[in-house]
Amino acid sequence: MTSGLPCPICEGPDRRGSLERSLRVLAVDDEAPALEDLVYLLRCDPRIAHVEAVTDATKALRVLHRAMDAGQPLDAVFLDIRMPGLDGLDLARVLSRFAQPPPVVFVTAHQQPAVEAFELKALDYLLKPVRPERLAESVHRIVHEVWDSKNASEPTTPTPAQPANATPPEMGDEVIPVELGGVTRFIRLADIRYVEAHGDYARLHTATGSGLVRAALNGLEERWRSAGFVRIHRSHLVSLGHIDELRLEDGHLSVTIGGAVLPVSRRHARHLRQLLVRRARPTPVQGNAAPAGVAQPRNGLGS
């Protein structure tokens, strides 16, 4: 142990005897004290069965390959960014070429590489010193990632259709680093109202402002589809749950989101209307009132 204090993860209310230790993870950091602290916290988590620890990217690759050769691939990698030689971002790029890349959680004292980490599809981004409760959230995401991966490889029975705007809890909690005036700010996916294309970047709009991420709209559309985002125009991606109104004026369709009026192209109009209608159906309707939380479409578009 690196501290005489009780571990909040080991002794906190989330510790349950029914939880089985099943995850096998790798921690990578060139600074011994930081690595020891991280390993200590990881071993405290009741969901983690085994923690490997190495001090550079080359050793990390050896451990990962050895685990795969033994038929026991590691479930996730907790990775520092600033390291001599092959740094954390370089290692993440190598891992992305694996047939089944392990989820990567960056653990760093620096906010600046956050956007690049997002481009590499990092599962999470933790800032040092690592808070136990924040680390527990990352492990929670890993559990869901591993579970989804296993379910995808096994035959499953059909499940009832979900509402068009249903957002998986783990997706809504996804934290995204955005650039705002030279400062990296972190926003939740659930808070994003719409996305606007800006060349090689995308601008994410929330109720409190906007910020840029280096990502193509097509990629975000694919990644966030299950979180209720839909393409309405070549320049816009919107969250169905944030649409306030659907308008038809002079033959042109548009949506209103928090005061912003966004055009809907003819190509995407039919699909959008179908999703909005499907979204309204699961909620029982009293008389002629609109379902709670759903704006009554104008100009007869709801018929």
Protein backbone atom coordinates (compact mmCIF):
# COMPACT_ATOMS: atom_id res chain seq x y z
CA MET A 1 0.00 0.00 0.00
CA THR A 2 1.12 3.54 -0.62
CA SER A 3 -0.94 5.13 2.16
CA GLY A 4 -1.97 4.42 5.71
CA LEU A 5 -5.45 5.81 5.05
CA PRO A 6 -8.38 3.48 4.33
CA CYS A 7 -9.17 3.08 0.66
CA PRO A 8 -12.53 4.75 -0.24
CA ILE A 9 -13.17 2.12 -2.91
CA CYS A 10 -12.37 -0.85 -0.67
CA GLU A 11 -14.36 0.37 2.31
CA GLY A 12 -16.99 2.56 0.68
CA PRO A 13 -20.71 1.80 0.22
CA ASP A 14 -20.16 0.46 -3.33
CA ARG A 15 -18.30 -2.58 -1.99
CA ARG A 16 -20.70 -5.55 -2.20
CA GLY A 17 -19.99 -9.19 -1.50
CA SER A 18 -21.94 -10.19 -4.60
CA LEU A 19 -19.50 -8.42 -6.93
CA GLU A 20 -17.04 -10.84 -8.48
CA ARG A 21 -13.50 -9.81 -9.30
CA SER A 22 -13.28 -10.42 -13.02
CA LEU A 23 -11.43 -7.59 -14.77
CA ARG A 24 -7.76 -7.86 -15.70
CA VAL A 25 -6.11 -4.50 -16.41
CA LEU A 26 -2.75 -2.95 -17.21
CA ALA A 27 -1.38 0.27 -15.67
CA VAL A 28 1.40 2.16 -17.50
CA ASP A 29 3.31 5.12 -16.02
CA ASP A 30 7.00 6.00 -16.06
CA GLU A 31 6.77 7.70 -12.63
CA ALA A 32 6.98 5.07 -9.89
CA PRO A 33 5.00 6.95 -7.17
CA ALA A 34 2.12 7.71 -9.54
CA LEU A 35 2.11 4.11 -10.79
CA GLU A 36 2.06 2.73 -7.24
CA ASP A 37 -0.87 4.96 -6.27
CA LEU A 38 -2.84 3.97 -9.36
CA VAL A 39 -2.18 0.26 -8.87
CA TYR A 40 -3.21 0.54 -5.22
CA LEU A 41 -6.55 2.14 -6.10
CA LEU A 42 -7.20 -0.34 -8.90
CA ARG A 43 -6.55 -3.31 -6.63
CA CYS A 44 -8.98 -1.86 -4.14
CA ASP A 45 -11.82 -2.01 -6.65
CA PRO A 46 -13.94 -5.16 -6.10
CA ARG A 47 -14.48 -5.54 -9.85
CA ILE A 48 -10.78 -5.92 -10.66
CA ALA A 49 -9.16 -9.33 -10.31
CA HIS A 50 -5.63 -8.60 -11.54
CA VAL A 51 -3.46 -5.55 -12.18
CA GLU A 52 -0.27 -5.62 -14.25
CA ALA A 53 2.04 -2.61 -13.88
CA VAL A 54 4.84 -1.46 -16.22
CA THR A 55 6.87 1.73 -16.61
CA ASP A 56 6.99 2.20 -20.39
CA ALA A 57 5.07 1.56 -23.61
CA THR A 58 7.45 -1.13 -24.91
CA LYS A 59 6.95 -3.25 -21.78
CA ALA A 60 3.22 -2.63 -22.04
CA LEU A 61 3.12 -4.10 -25.55
CA ARG A 62 5.02 -7.17 -24.37
CA VAL A 63 2.55 -7.72 -21.54
CA LEU A 64 -0.44 -7.28 -23.85
CA HIS A 65 0.92 -9.69 -26.48
CA ARG A 66 1.84 -12.24 -23.83
CA ALA A 67 -1.68 -12.09 -22.39
CA MET A 68 -3.23 -12.54 -25.84
CA ASP A 69 -0.95 -15.48 -26.62
CA ALA A 70 -2.07 -17.10 -23.36
CA GLY A 71 -5.71 -16.68 -24.36
CA GLN A 72 -6.33 -14.19 -21.54
CA PRO A 73 -6.34 -10.72 -23.12
CA LEU A 74 -6.38 -7.80 -20.73
CA ASP A 75 -9.68 -5.95 -20.40
CA ALA A 76 -8.33 -2.37 -20.28
CA VAL A 77 -5.22 -0.20 -20.20
CA PHE A 78 -4.74 2.75 -17.81
CA LEU A 79 -2.20 4.85 -19.62
CA ASP A 80 -0.05 7.88 -18.79
CA ILE A 81 0.58 10.27 -21.71
CA ARG A 82 3.89 12.01 -21.09
CA MET A 83 6.48 9.20 -21.14
CA PRO A 84 9.97 8.98 -22.67
CA GLY A 85 10.28 7.14 -25.98
CA LEU A 86 6.90 5.88 -27.14
CA ASP A 87 4.39 8.07 -25.29
CA GLY A 88 0.84 7.21 -24.26
CA LEU A 89 -0.79 8.63 -27.40
CA ASP A 90 1.62 6.68 -29.61
CA LEU A 91 0.82 3.48 -27.72
CA ALA A 92 -2.91 4.13 -28.04
CA ARG A 93 -2.50 4.42 -31.82
CA VAL A 94 -0.74 1.06 -31.88
CA LEU A 95 -3.48 -0.51 -29.75
CA SER A 96 -6.16 0.85 -32.11
CA ARG A 97 -4.77 -1.44 -34.82
CA PHE A 98 -5.35 -4.58 -32.73
CA ALA A 99 -8.09 -6.90 -33.98
CA GLN A 100 -9.83 -6.33 -30.62
CA PRO A 101 -8.33 -3.14 -29.10
CA PRO A 102 -8.54 -2.96 -25.30
CA PRO A 103 -10.36 0.08 -23.90
CA VAL A 104 -7.89 2.85 -22.99
CA VAL A 105 -8.24 5.18 -20.02
CA PHE A 106 -5.70 8.01 -20.07
CA VAL A 107 -4.34 9.04 -16.67
CA THR A 108 -2.35 12.27 -16.87
CA ALA A 109 -1.55 15.56 -15.17
CA HIS A 110 -2.07 17.47 -18.44
CA GLN A 111 -5.32 18.69 -20.02
CA GLN A 112 -3.80 19.77 -23.34
CA PRO A 113 -3.78 16.32 -25.04
CA ALA A 114 -7.46 15.74 -24.21
CA VAL A 115 -8.74 16.50 -27.71
CA GLU A 116 -6.24 14.14 -29.32
CA ALA A 117 -7.17 11.48 -26.77
CA PHE A 118 -10.80 11.90 -27.80
CA GLU A 119 -9.86 11.40 -31.44
CA LEU A 120 -8.24 8.09 -30.44
CA LYS A 121 -11.59 7.03 -28.92
CA ALA A 122 -10.32 6.86 -25.35
CA LEU A 123 -12.88 5.38 -22.98
CA ASP A 124 -12.09 8.00 -20.33
CA TYR A 125 -9.63 10.75 -19.40
CA LEU A 126 -8.52 11.09 -15.77
CA LEU A 127 -6.50 13.94 -14.36
CA LYS A 128 -3.88 13.41 -11.66
CA PRO A 129 -4.08 13.19 -8.73
CA VAL A 130 -6.69 10.52 -9.41
CA ARG A 131 -9.77 10.67 -7.18
CA PRO A 132 -11.01 7.21 -6.13
CA GLU A 133 -14.62 8.00 -6.99
CA ARG A 134 -13.61 9.22 -10.46
CA LEU A 135 -11.55 6.06 -11.02
CA ALA A 136 -14.57 4.00 -9.98
CA GLU A 137 -16.56 5.67 -12.79
CA SER A 138 -13.90 4.62 -15.30
CA VAL A 139 -14.04 1.03 -14.07
CA HIS A 140 -17.83 1.17 -14.41
CA ARG A 141 -17.41 2.15 -18.07
CA ILE A 142 -14.94 -0.68 -18.60
CA VAL A 143 -17.43 -3.15 -17.14
CA HIS A 144 -20.05 -1.98 -19.65
CA GLU A 145 -17.55 -2.06 -22.51
CA VAL A 146 -16.47 -5.62 -21.69
CA TRP A 147 -20.08 -6.72 -21.20
CA ASP A 148 -21.17 -5.22 -24.53
CA SER A 149 -18.20 -6.85 -26.27
CA LYS A 150 -19.05 -10.27 -24.87
CA ASN A 151 -22.73 -9.90 -25.75
CA ALA A 152 -21.81 -8.90 -29.31
CA SER A 153 -19.92 -12.16 -29.74
CA GLU A 154 -22.76 -14.33 -28.40
CA PRO A 155 -26.17 -15.03 -29.98
CA THR A 156 -28.89 -13.06 -28.29
CA THR A 157 -32.67 -13.08 -28.29
CA PRO A 158 -34.45 -10.05 -29.77
CA THR A 159 -35.27 -7.29 -27.29
CA PRO A 160 -38.20 -4.86 -27.45
CA ALA A 161 -37.55 -1.74 -29.50
CA GLN A 162 -36.45 1.31 -27.50
CA PRO A 163 -37.82 4.83 -28.03
CA ALA A 164 -35.92 6.73 -30.70
CA ASN A 165 -34.48 9.13 -28.14
CA ALA A 166 -33.55 6.50 -25.54
CA THR A 167 -30.00 7.14 -24.36
CA PRO A 168 -28.01 4.32 -22.71
CA PRO A 169 -26.97 5.66 -19.25
CA GLU A 170 -23.28 4.96 -19.87
CA MET A 171 -23.41 6.94 -23.14
CA GLY A 172 -25.20 9.92 -21.62
CA ASP A 173 -22.47 10.06 -18.99
CA GLU A 174 -19.70 10.13 -21.59
CA VAL A 175 -17.42 13.12 -21.01
CA ILE A 176 -16.03 14.90 -24.07
CA PRO A 177 -13.09 17.34 -24.04
CA VAL A 178 -13.68 20.45 -26.16
CA GLU A 179 -11.50 23.45 -27.01
CA LEU A 180 -12.84 26.81 -25.88
CA GLY A 181 -10.61 29.87 -26.22
CA GLY A 182 -7.42 27.87 -25.76
CA VAL A 183 -8.83 26.08 -22.70
CA THR A 184 -9.97 22.46 -22.64
CA ARG A 185 -13.42 22.08 -21.10
CA PHE A 186 -15.21 18.80 -20.39
CA ILE A 187 -18.90 18.41 -21.26
CA ARG A 188 -21.32 15.50 -20.94
CA LEU A 189 -22.76 13.94 -24.07
CA ALA A 190 -26.25 14.25 -22.57
CA ASP A 191 -25.82 18.05 -22.43
CA ILE A 192 -25.06 18.45 -26.14
CA ARG A 193 -28.03 19.91 -28.02
CA TYR A 194 -26.66 19.89 -31.55
CA VAL A 195 -23.40 19.64 -33.50
CA GLU A 196 -22.28 21.92 -36.30
CA ALA A 197 -19.67 21.04 -38.93
CA HIS A 198 -16.60 23.32 -39.05
CA GLY A 199 -14.23 21.90 -41.66
CA ASP A 200 -12.05 19.29 -39.97
CA TYR A 201 -13.69 20.18 -36.64
CA ALA A 202 -17.16 19.96 -35.15
CA ARG A 203 -18.70 22.54 -32.82
CA LEU A 204 -20.69 21.06 -29.94
CA HIS A 205 -23.50 23.30 -28.67
CA THR A 206 -24.90 23.10 -25.13
CA ALA A 207 -27.22 25.34 -23.12
CA THR A 208 -24.21 27.23 -21.73
CA GLY A 209 -22.03 27.65 -24.82
CA SER A 210 -20.10 25.74 -27.44
CA GLY A 211 -16.67 24.24 -28.10
CA LEU A 212 -14.67 22.55 -30.84
CA VAL A 213 -13.52 18.97 -31.21
CA ARG A 214 -11.34 17.70 -34.03
CA ALA A 215 -13.77 15.18 -35.48
CA ALA A 216 -15.82 14.70 -38.64
CA LEU A 217 -19.60 14.95 -38.45
CA ASN A 218 -19.95 11.55 -40.15
CA GLY A 219 -17.90 9.91 -37.40
CA LEU A 220 -19.89 11.56 -34.61
CA GLU A 221 -23.15 10.58 -36.33
CA GLU A 222 -22.12 6.93 -36.31
CA ARG A 223 -20.72 6.99 -32.79
CA TRP A 224 -23.65 8.82 -31.16
CA ARG A 225 -26.57 7.33 -33.09
CA SER A 226 -27.54 5.07 -30.18
CA ALA A 227 -27.50 8.11 -27.89
CA GLY A 228 -30.35 9.71 -29.88
CA PHE A 229 -28.40 11.90 -32.32
CA VAL A 230 -29.63 12.19 -35.90
CA ARG A 231 -28.35 13.95 -39.02
CA ILE A 232 -30.72 16.63 -40.32
CA HIS A 233 -28.40 18.41 -42.75
CA ARG A 234 -24.89 18.04 -44.15
CA SER A 235 -23.82 20.63 -41.58
CA HIS A 236 -25.88 19.61 -38.54
CA LEU A 237 -26.34 16.69 -36.17
CA VAL A 238 -29.02 17.09 -33.47
CA SER A 239 -30.09 15.40 -30.27
CA LEU A 240 -33.70 14.24 -30.64
CA GLY A 241 -34.34 14.80 -26.94
CA HIS A 242 -33.47 18.50 -27.26
CA ILE A 243 -35.72 19.33 -30.22
CA ASP A 244 -38.34 21.88 -29.09
CA GLU A 245 -40.25 22.34 -32.32
CA LEU A 246 -40.55 21.13 -35.91
CA ARG A 247 -41.54 23.85 -38.39
CA LEU A 248 -42.68 23.98 -42.02
CA GLU A 249 -42.56 27.45 -43.53
CA ASP A 250 -42.71 28.26 -47.24
CA GLY A 251 -41.99 24.62 -48.04
CA HIS A 252 -38.83 24.53 -45.91
CA LEU A 253 -38.53 22.28 -42.86
CA SER A 254 -36.56 23.30 -39.76
CA VAL A 255 -36.15 22.41 -36.08
CA THR A 256 -35.90 24.71 -33.10
CA ILE A 257 -33.47 23.80 -30.33
CA GLY A 258 -33.03 26.18 -27.42
CA GLY A 259 -33.77 29.23 -29.58
CA ALA A 260 -31.60 28.12 -32.50
CA VAL A 261 -33.40 27.41 -35.79
CA LEU A 262 -31.67 24.74 -37.86
CA PRO A 263 -32.58 23.77 -41.44
CA VAL A 264 -33.60 20.21 -42.29
CA SER A 265 -32.61 19.06 -45.76
CA ARG A 266 -35.11 17.25 -47.99
CA ARG A 267 -32.84 14.21 -47.89
CA HIS A 268 -33.17 13.87 -44.11
CA ALA A 269 -36.71 15.23 -43.55
CA ARG A 270 -38.64 11.96 -43.84
CA HIS A 271 -36.30 10.04 -41.52
CA LEU A 272 -36.42 12.81 -38.92
CA ARG A 273 -40.23 12.91 -38.90
CA GLN A 274 -40.39 9.13 -38.55
CA LEU A 275 -38.07 9.24 -35.55
CA LEU A 276 -40.06 12.02 -33.87
CA VAL A 277 -43.33 10.14 -34.38
CA ARG A 278 -41.78 6.92 -33.02
CA ARG A 279 -40.40 8.88 -30.09
CA ALA A 280 -43.87 10.07 -29.10
CA ARG A 281 -45.64 6.71 -29.33
CA PRO A 282 -44.40 4.90 -26.17
CA THR A 283 -45.91 7.55 -23.85
CA PRO A 284 -49.65 7.08 -23.11
CA VAL A 285 -51.65 10.14 -24.15
CA GLN A 286 -54.41 11.59 -21.96
CA GLY A 287 -57.16 12.97 -24.21
CA ASN A 288 -55.60 15.20 -26.85
CA ALA A 289 -52.63 16.37 -24.78
CA ALA A 290 -49.12 15.87 -26.06
CA PRO A 291 -46.92 13.39 -24.13
CA ALA A 292 -44.88 14.95 -21.33
CA GLY A 293 -41.63 16.44 -22.57
CA VAL A 294 -42.69 16.32 -26.25
CA ALA A 295 -43.44 19.57 -28.05
CA GLN A 296 -46.65 19.52 -30.09
CA PRO A 297 -45.53 19.88 -33.75
CA ARG A 298 -46.94 22.87 -35.60
CA ASN A 299 -48.41 23.22 -39.10
CA GLY A 300 -50.02 19.80 -38.97
CA LEU A 301 -46.69 17.97 -39.12
CA GLY A 302 -47.68 15.58 -36.36
CA SER A 303 -50.53 14.09 -38.38
